[in-house]
Amino acid sequence: MKGYFKKDIRISKPQHIRRMLAKVINILLQDGEMTTDKAKTIATLSNTALKSMDLGDLSERLERVEKQIKSQQGGEV
């Protein structure tokens, strides 16, 4: 897959992983005929992307709760 990405991918948040996996999945879908191995790889990457979405949602919810607690405590945490 060398050359498919214009620059190094920064992965520090679940959103970055989702974006990268989506790109890889699209590359696999556009690259020749569908094989069993390719389908299994796409399924695995899709499951990983779904887990990343769940983690991203959970992380965002946790941040909101932490901000709310912090504001209720007058900035002390």
C-alpha atoms as a PDB file:
ATOM      1  CA  MET A   1       0.000   0.000   0.000  1.00  0.00           C
ATOM      2  CA  LYS A   2       3.000   2.222  -0.321  1.00  0.00           C
ATOM      3  CA  GLY A   3       2.141   5.558  -1.878  1.00  0.00           C
ATOM      4  CA  TYR A   4      -1.557   5.512  -0.998  1.00  0.00           C
ATOM      5  CA  PHE A   5      -1.189   8.074   1.775  1.00  0.00           C
ATOM      6  CA  LYS A   6       0.187  11.510   0.968  1.00  0.00           C
ATOM      7  CA  LYS A   7       1.772  11.970   4.393  1.00  0.00           C
ATOM      8  CA  ASP A   8       2.297  10.166   7.658  1.00  0.00           C
ATOM      9  CA  ILE A   9      -0.898   9.586   9.552  1.00  0.00           C
ATOM     10  CA  ARG A  10      -1.075  10.975  13.064  1.00  0.00           C
ATOM     11  CA  ILE A  11      -2.914   8.610  15.368  1.00  0.00           C
ATOM     12  CA  SER A  12      -3.634  10.151  18.734  1.00  0.00           C
ATOM     13  CA  LYS A  13      -7.431  10.009  18.850  1.00  0.00           C
ATOM     14  CA  PRO A  14     -10.064   7.420  17.929  1.00  0.00           C
ATOM     15  CA  GLN A  15     -11.150   9.719  15.072  1.00  0.00           C
ATOM     16  CA  HIS A  16      -7.703   9.378  13.498  1.00  0.00           C
ATOM     17  CA  ILE A  17      -7.974   5.597  13.573  1.00  0.00           C
ATOM     18  CA  ARG A  18     -11.448   5.696  12.027  1.00  0.00           C
ATOM     19  CA  ARG A  19     -10.222   7.960   9.239  1.00  0.00           C
ATOM     20  CA  MET A  20      -7.219   5.755   8.493  1.00  0.00           C
ATOM     21  CA  LEU A  21      -9.261   2.546   8.531  1.00  0.00           C
ATOM     22  CA  ALA A  22     -11.838   4.096   6.208  1.00  0.00           C
ATOM     23  CA  LYS A  23      -9.070   4.976   3.752  1.00  0.00           C
ATOM     24  CA  VAL A  24      -7.601   1.477   3.893  1.00  0.00           C
ATOM     25  CA  ILE A  25     -11.033  -0.115   3.435  1.00  0.00           C
ATOM     26  CA  ASN A  26     -11.700   2.097   0.410  1.00  0.00           C
ATOM     27  CA  ILE A  27      -8.338   1.173  -1.086  1.00  0.00           C
ATOM     28  CA  LEU A  28      -9.098  -2.531  -0.634  1.00  0.00           C
ATOM     29  CA  LEU A  29     -12.559  -2.150  -2.177  1.00  0.00           C
ATOM     30  CA  GLN A  30     -11.164  -0.385  -5.247  1.00  0.00           C
ATOM     31  CA  ASP A  31      -8.169  -2.694  -5.720  1.00  0.00           C
ATOM     32  CA  GLY A  32      -9.112  -5.527  -8.084  1.00  0.00           C
ATOM     33  CA  GLU A  33     -11.514  -8.367  -7.497  1.00  0.00           C
ATOM     34  CA  MET A  34     -12.953  -9.295  -4.124  1.00  0.00           C
ATOM     35  CA  THR A  35     -11.287 -12.325  -2.603  1.00  0.00           C
ATOM     36  CA  THR A  36     -12.114 -14.206   0.571  1.00  0.00           C
ATOM     37  CA  ASP A  37      -8.968 -12.867   2.248  1.00  0.00           C
ATOM     38  CA  LYS A  38      -9.781  -9.321   1.218  1.00  0.00           C
ATOM     39  CA  ALA A  39     -13.367  -9.673   2.482  1.00  0.00           C
ATOM     40  CA  LYS A  40     -12.096 -11.012   5.829  1.00  0.00           C
ATOM     41  CA  THR A  41      -9.648  -8.121   6.100  1.00  0.00           C
ATOM     42  CA  ILE A  42     -12.383  -5.583   5.342  1.00  0.00           C
ATOM     43  CA  ALA A  43     -14.648  -7.214   7.955  1.00  0.00           C
ATOM     44  CA  THR A  44     -11.886  -7.073  10.560  1.00  0.00           C
ATOM     45  CA  LEU A  45     -11.084  -3.441   9.760  1.00  0.00           C
ATOM     46  CA  SER A  46     -14.785  -2.570   9.856  1.00  0.00           C
ATOM     47  CA  ASN A  47     -15.168  -4.145  13.297  1.00  0.00           C
ATOM     48  CA  THR A  48     -12.113  -2.245  14.492  1.00  0.00           C
ATOM     49  CA  ALA A  49     -13.573   0.996  13.102  1.00  0.00           C
ATOM     50  CA  LEU A  50     -16.855   0.345  14.936  1.00  0.00           C
ATOM     51  CA  LYS A  51     -14.975  -0.209  18.202  1.00  0.00           C
ATOM     52  CA  SER A  52     -13.048   3.004  17.572  1.00  0.00           C
ATOM     53  CA  MET A  53     -16.335   4.862  17.080  1.00  0.00           C
ATOM     54  CA  ASP A  54     -17.641   3.493  20.371  1.00  0.00           C
ATOM     55  CA  LEU A  55     -14.438   4.510  22.158  1.00  0.00           C
ATOM     56  CA  GLY A  56     -14.554   7.967  20.583  1.00  0.00           C
ATOM     57  CA  ASP A  57     -18.154   8.458  21.666  1.00  0.00           C
ATOM     58  CA  LEU A  58     -17.358   7.236  25.167  1.00  0.00           C
ATOM     59  CA  SER A  59     -14.331   9.516  25.369  1.00  0.00           C
ATOM     60  CA  GLU A  60     -16.383  12.548  24.302  1.00  0.00           C
ATOM     61  CA  ARG A  61     -19.089  11.709  26.850  1.00  0.00           C
ATOM     62  CA  LEU A  62     -16.487  11.320  29.601  1.00  0.00           C
ATOM     63  CA  GLU A  63     -14.945  14.692  28.729  1.00  0.00           C
ATOM     64  CA  ARG A  64     -18.365  16.362  28.962  1.00  0.00           C
ATOM     65  CA  VAL A  65     -19.045  14.746  32.343  1.00  0.00           C
ATOM     66  CA  GLU A  66     -15.627  15.788  33.634  1.00  0.00           C
ATOM     67  CA  LYS A  67     -16.210  19.395  32.490  1.00  0.00           C
ATOM     68  CA  GLN A  68     -19.629  19.407  34.118  1.00  0.00           C
ATOM     69  CA  ILE A  69     -18.223  18.081  37.411  1.00  0.00           C
ATOM     70  CA  LYS A  70     -15.396  20.600  37.257  1.00  0.00           C
ATOM     71  CA  SER A  71     -17.795  23.504  36.685  1.00  0.00           C
ATOM     72  CA  GLN A  72     -20.049  22.319  39.535  1.00  0.00           C
ATOM     73  CA  GLN A  73     -17.075  22.176  41.891  1.00  0.00           C
ATOM     74  CA  GLY A  74     -15.977  25.672  40.972  1.00  0.00           C
ATOM     75  CA  GLY A  75     -12.994  24.589  38.942  1.00  0.00           C
ATOM     76  CA  GLU A  76     -11.579  22.151  41.493  1.00  0.00           C
ATOM     77  CA  VAL A  77     -10.901  18.554  40.451  1.00  0.00           C
END
